[in-house]
C-alpha atoms as a PDB file:
ATOM      1  CA  MET A   1     -11.892 -23.718  39.808  1.00  0.00           C
ATOM      2  CA  LEU A   2      -8.711 -21.606  40.022  1.00  0.00           C
ATOM      3  CA  LYS A   3      -8.260 -21.856  36.281  1.00  0.00           C
ATOM      4  CA  LYS A   4     -11.801 -20.644  35.666  1.00  0.00           C
ATOM      5  CA  ASN A   5     -11.199 -17.614  37.904  1.00  0.00           C
ATOM      6  CA  LYS A   6      -8.044 -16.696  35.959  1.00  0.00           C
ATOM      7  CA  ILE A   7      -9.945 -16.811  32.680  1.00  0.00           C
ATOM      8  CA  SER A   8     -12.776 -14.779  34.202  1.00  0.00           C
ATOM      9  CA  ASP A   9     -10.319 -12.224  35.529  1.00  0.00           C
ATOM     10  CA  ARG A  10      -8.609 -11.906  32.142  1.00  0.00           C
ATOM     11  CA  THR A  11     -11.965 -11.537  30.428  1.00  0.00           C
ATOM     12  CA  ASP A  12     -12.976  -8.856  32.876  1.00  0.00           C
ATOM     13  CA  GLU A  13      -9.702  -6.996  32.319  1.00  0.00           C
ATOM     14  CA  ARG A  14     -10.068  -7.245  28.546  1.00  0.00           C
ATOM     15  CA  LEU A  15     -13.642  -5.991  28.647  1.00  0.00           C
ATOM     16  CA  GLU A  16     -12.636  -3.078  30.876  1.00  0.00           C
ATOM     17  CA  SER A  17      -9.779  -2.232  28.495  1.00  0.00           C
ATOM     18  CA  ILE A  18     -12.149  -2.227  25.501  1.00  0.00           C
ATOM     19  CA  LYS A  19     -14.642  -0.116  27.420  1.00  0.00           C
ATOM     20  CA  LYS A  20     -11.967   2.432  28.328  1.00  0.00           C
ATOM     21  CA  ALA A  21     -10.679   2.631  24.716  1.00  0.00           C
ATOM     22  CA  HIS A  22     -14.127   3.345  23.357  1.00  0.00           C
ATOM     23  CA  SER A  23     -14.978   5.928  25.996  1.00  0.00           C
ATOM     24  CA  GLN A  24     -11.945   8.117  25.308  1.00  0.00           C
ATOM     25  CA  LYS A  25     -12.713  11.294  23.424  1.00  0.00           C
ATOM     26  CA  SER A  26     -11.242  11.937  19.984  1.00  0.00           C
ATOM     27  CA  PRO A  27      -8.338  14.339  19.887  1.00  0.00           C
ATOM     28  CA  LYS A  28      -9.247  17.875  18.807  1.00  0.00           C
ATOM     29  CA  PHE A  29      -8.036  19.193  15.503  1.00  0.00           C
ATOM     30  CA  THR A  30      -5.004  21.423  15.580  1.00  0.00           C
ATOM     31  CA  THR A  31      -4.949  24.683  13.679  1.00  0.00           C
ATOM     32  CA  ARG A  32      -2.655  23.097  11.103  1.00  0.00           C
ATOM     33  CA  MET A  33      -5.070  20.174  10.597  1.00  0.00           C
ATOM     34  CA  GLU A  34      -7.888  22.670  10.079  1.00  0.00           C
ATOM     35  CA  ASP A  35      -5.782  24.527   7.495  1.00  0.00           C
ATOM     36  CA  TYR A  36      -5.223  21.343   5.531  1.00  0.00           C
ATOM     37  CA  LEU A  37      -8.915  20.454   5.687  1.00  0.00           C
ATOM     38  CA  GLU A  38      -9.929  23.960   4.464  1.00  0.00           C
ATOM     39  CA  VAL A  39      -7.460  23.775   1.549  1.00  0.00           C
ATOM     40  CA  ILE A  40      -8.624  20.323   0.599  1.00  0.00           C
ATOM     41  CA  SER A  41     -12.245  21.510   0.693  1.00  0.00           C
ATOM     42  CA  GLU A  42     -11.430  24.552  -1.487  1.00  0.00           C
ATOM     43  CA  LEU A  43      -9.532  22.415  -4.019  1.00  0.00           C
ATOM     44  CA  VAL A  44     -12.327  19.888  -4.229  1.00  0.00           C
ATOM     45  CA  ASP A  45     -14.812  22.714  -4.766  1.00  0.00           C
ATOM     46  CA  LEU A  46     -12.648  24.182  -7.542  1.00  0.00           C
ATOM     47  CA  LYS A  47     -11.358  21.042  -9.300  1.00  0.00           C
ATOM     48  CA  GLY A  48     -13.417  18.172  -7.986  1.00  0.00           C
ATOM     49  CA  TYR A  49     -10.354  16.573  -6.357  1.00  0.00           C
ATOM     50  CA  ALA A  50      -7.246  17.449  -4.319  1.00  0.00           C
ATOM     51  CA  THR A  51      -3.917  15.719  -4.874  1.00  0.00           C
ATOM     52  CA  PRO A  52      -1.021  15.982  -2.408  1.00  0.00           C
ATOM     53  CA  THR A  53       0.830  18.036  -5.074  1.00  0.00           C
ATOM     54  CA  ASP A  54      -2.107  20.451  -5.398  1.00  0.00           C
ATOM     55  CA  ILE A  55      -2.237  20.834  -1.621  1.00  0.00           C
ATOM     56  CA  SER A  56       1.521  21.418  -1.319  1.00  0.00           C
ATOM     57  CA  ASN A  57       1.453  24.041  -4.096  1.00  0.00           C
ATOM     58  CA  TYR A  58      -1.579  25.788  -2.552  1.00  0.00           C
ATOM     59  CA  MET A  59      -0.059  25.845   0.929  1.00  0.00           C
ATOM     60  CA  ASN A  60       3.520  26.463  -0.193  1.00  0.00           C
ATOM     61  CA  VAL A  61       4.848  23.417   1.649  1.00  0.00           C
ATOM     62  CA  ARG A  62       6.875  20.437   0.418  1.00  0.00           C
ATOM     63  CA  PRO A  63       4.933  17.365  -0.809  1.00  0.00           C
ATOM     64  CA  PRO A  64       6.359  15.118   1.990  1.00  0.00           C
ATOM     65  CA  SER A  65       4.832  17.460   4.524  1.00  0.00           C
ATOM     66  CA  VAL A  66       1.424  16.962   2.951  1.00  0.00           C
ATOM     67  CA  THR A  67       1.882  13.199   2.831  1.00  0.00           C
ATOM     68  CA  LYS A  68       2.836  13.158   6.536  1.00  0.00           C
ATOM     69  CA  MET A  69      -0.226  15.216   7.477  1.00  0.00           C
ATOM     70  CA  LEU A  70      -2.596  13.045   5.444  1.00  0.00           C
END
C-alpha cells in the first residue's frame, strides 16, 4: 500500500508540474525581436524569402547576431 501511495504522489506531482508549465504565459516580444520580425516580413514581401545574410545587411548587424536571434 505504501508503494502505491508513492507512485500516486509522484503522478500527482508530475501532473501538477505539467499543468503549471502549460498555464504559464508566453514571454512578450522585445523591441529587438519585433525589429527582426518586421525586417523579415519586409524582405519576404520584396523577395519572397529572407536569408540571415539579407537580414544582417538590411539591419546593419553581423550575421552571427542574426543567427543568434533566429
